[in-house]
C-alpha cells in the first residue's frame, strides 16, 4: 500500500510539473492581394493581438513580425516570439477565458485587419 501511494504521488507531481503554458505557438498563412492571388517572395509586416473573452474583448498582448513570403506566398510565424508592443506573453491567462488571435498585415501602406 505504501508503494502504491508513493507511485500515485510521483505521477501527480509529474503531471503538475509538466502542465505549463506555451512559450509560443505557430501561425501560418498565405498572403494574398485584393484579387486573391498569392504574393510570393515579398516582405510583409504582421501585427498579432491576443484578445481575451470575445473577438472584441480585452487585448492582452500585441506583437509584430516582419517576414518574407515563400514562393507560394506562405509565411510561418511564432506567436509569442515577435517584437512585443504591449503585454507579456508568459502572463496570459490561457485557462481563464477563451482567447482570440487578431491578425493585421502591412504590405507598405498601413495595417489592414485580416480578421480575428
Protein backbone atom coordinates (compact mmCIF):
# COMPACT_ATOMS: atom_id res chain seq x y z
CA UNK A 1 0.00 0.00 0.00
CA UNK A 2 2.86 2.36 0.83
CA UNK A 3 4.45 1.76 -2.59
CA UNK A 4 1.15 2.39 -4.34
CA UNK A 5 0.69 5.70 -2.50
CA UNK A 6 4.25 6.74 -3.35
CA UNK A 7 3.71 5.83 -7.01
CA UNK A 8 0.46 7.87 -7.15
CA UNK A 9 2.22 10.85 -5.53
CA UNK A 10 5.05 10.63 -8.09
CA UNK A 11 2.62 10.69 -11.04
CA UNK A 12 0.60 13.54 -9.54
CA UNK A 13 3.73 15.69 -9.09
CA UNK A 14 4.95 14.81 -12.61
CA UNK A 15 1.62 15.86 -14.13
CA UNK A 16 1.61 19.25 -12.39
CA UNK A 17 5.26 19.88 -13.24
CA UNK A 18 4.76 19.37 -16.98
CA UNK A 19 1.49 21.31 -17.28
CA UNK A 20 2.91 24.65 -18.38
CA UNK A 21 1.73 27.43 -20.66
CA UNK A 22 3.30 27.55 -24.11
CA UNK A 23 6.20 29.92 -24.73
CA UNK A 24 4.99 30.41 -28.30
CA UNK A 25 2.80 28.76 -30.92
CA UNK A 26 2.93 28.59 -34.71
CA UNK A 27 0.72 30.61 -37.06
CA UNK A 28 0.85 30.00 -40.79
CA UNK A 29 -0.92 31.96 -43.54
CA UNK A 30 -0.99 32.55 -47.26
CA UNK A 31 -0.63 36.25 -48.07
CA UNK A 32 -2.86 37.29 -50.98
CA UNK A 33 -3.58 40.51 -52.86
CA UNK A 34 -7.04 42.06 -53.36
CA UNK A 35 -7.72 39.71 -56.29
CA UNK A 36 -6.94 36.65 -54.14
CA UNK A 37 -3.62 35.87 -55.83
CA UNK A 38 -0.82 34.66 -53.54
CA UNK A 39 2.03 37.15 -53.13
CA UNK A 40 5.38 35.34 -53.46
CA UNK A 41 8.74 36.44 -52.02
CA UNK A 42 7.64 39.75 -50.54
CA UNK A 43 8.36 41.28 -47.14
CA UNK A 44 5.24 41.64 -45.00
CA UNK A 45 4.80 43.16 -41.53
CA UNK A 46 2.30 41.44 -39.25
CA UNK A 47 0.72 42.74 -36.08
CA UNK A 48 -0.78 39.98 -33.94
CA UNK A 49 -3.02 40.67 -30.95
CA UNK A 50 -4.24 38.13 -28.41
CA UNK A 51 -7.70 39.11 -27.19
CA UNK A 52 -9.45 37.68 -24.13
CA UNK A 53 -13.12 36.80 -23.71
CA UNK A 54 -14.55 37.58 -27.16
CA UNK A 55 -13.30 38.79 -30.55
CA UNK A 56 -13.91 42.37 -29.38
CA UNK A 57 -12.74 41.78 -25.80
CA UNK A 58 -9.69 42.95 -23.87
CA UNK A 59 -6.38 43.00 -25.74
CA UNK A 60 -3.87 41.17 -23.53
CA UNK A 61 -0.84 41.08 -25.82
CA UNK A 62 0.34 42.65 -29.09
CA UNK A 63 3.45 41.85 -31.12
CA UNK A 64 4.82 42.50 -34.61
CA UNK A 65 6.72 40.30 -37.05
CA UNK A 66 8.47 41.06 -40.30
CA UNK A 67 8.54 38.04 -42.58
CA UNK A 68 9.12 37.24 -46.24
CA UNK A 69 6.63 35.03 -48.03
CA UNK A 70 7.96 31.93 -49.77
CA UNK A 71 7.41 31.16 -53.48
CA UNK A 72 3.81 30.15 -52.69
CA UNK A 73 3.03 33.26 -50.61
CA UNK A 74 3.19 31.34 -47.31
CA UNK A 75 4.62 32.68 -44.05
CA UNK A 76 5.06 30.93 -40.71
CA UNK A 77 5.24 32.99 -37.51
CA UNK A 78 5.92 32.04 -33.90
CA UNK A 79 3.31 33.90 -31.87
CA UNK A 80 4.98 34.88 -28.61
CA UNK A 81 8.41 35.29 -30.19
CA UNK A 82 7.84 38.55 -32.09
CA UNK A 83 8.63 42.16 -31.17
CA UNK A 84 6.41 42.89 -28.19
CA UNK A 85 4.35 46.07 -28.46
CA UNK A 86 2.28 45.63 -25.29
CA UNK A 87 1.58 43.00 -22.64
CA UNK A 88 3.59 39.94 -21.64
CA UNK A 89 3.04 36.63 -23.43
CA UNK A 90 4.02 34.49 -20.44
CA UNK A 91 1.38 36.10 -18.20
CA UNK A 92 -1.61 35.46 -20.48
CA UNK A 93 -4.29 33.62 -18.50
CA UNK A 94 -4.97 30.91 -21.10
CA UNK A 95 -7.25 28.95 -18.78
CA UNK A 96 -9.27 31.92 -17.53
CA UNK A 97 -11.27 32.64 -20.73
CA UNK A 98 -11.46 31.97 -24.45
CA UNK A 99 -8.71 33.74 -26.42
CA UNK A 100 -8.73 35.04 -29.98
CA UNK A 101 -5.94 35.99 -32.40
CA UNK A 102 -6.36 39.21 -34.38
CA UNK A 103 -4.17 39.38 -37.49
CA UNK A 104 -3.23 42.60 -39.27
CA UNK A 105 -0.87 42.88 -42.24
CA UNK A 106 1.08 45.76 -43.73
CA UNK A 107 2.34 45.44 -47.31
CA UNK A 108 3.64 49.01 -47.24
CA UNK A 109 0.53 51.16 -46.99
CA UNK A 110 -0.50 50.64 -43.36
CA UNK A 111 -2.09 47.82 -41.38
CA UNK A 112 -5.12 46.04 -42.81
CA UNK A 113 -7.31 43.96 -40.46
CA UNK A 114 -7.35 40.39 -41.77
CA UNK A 115 -9.76 39.11 -39.12
CA UNK A 116 -9.92 37.76 -35.60
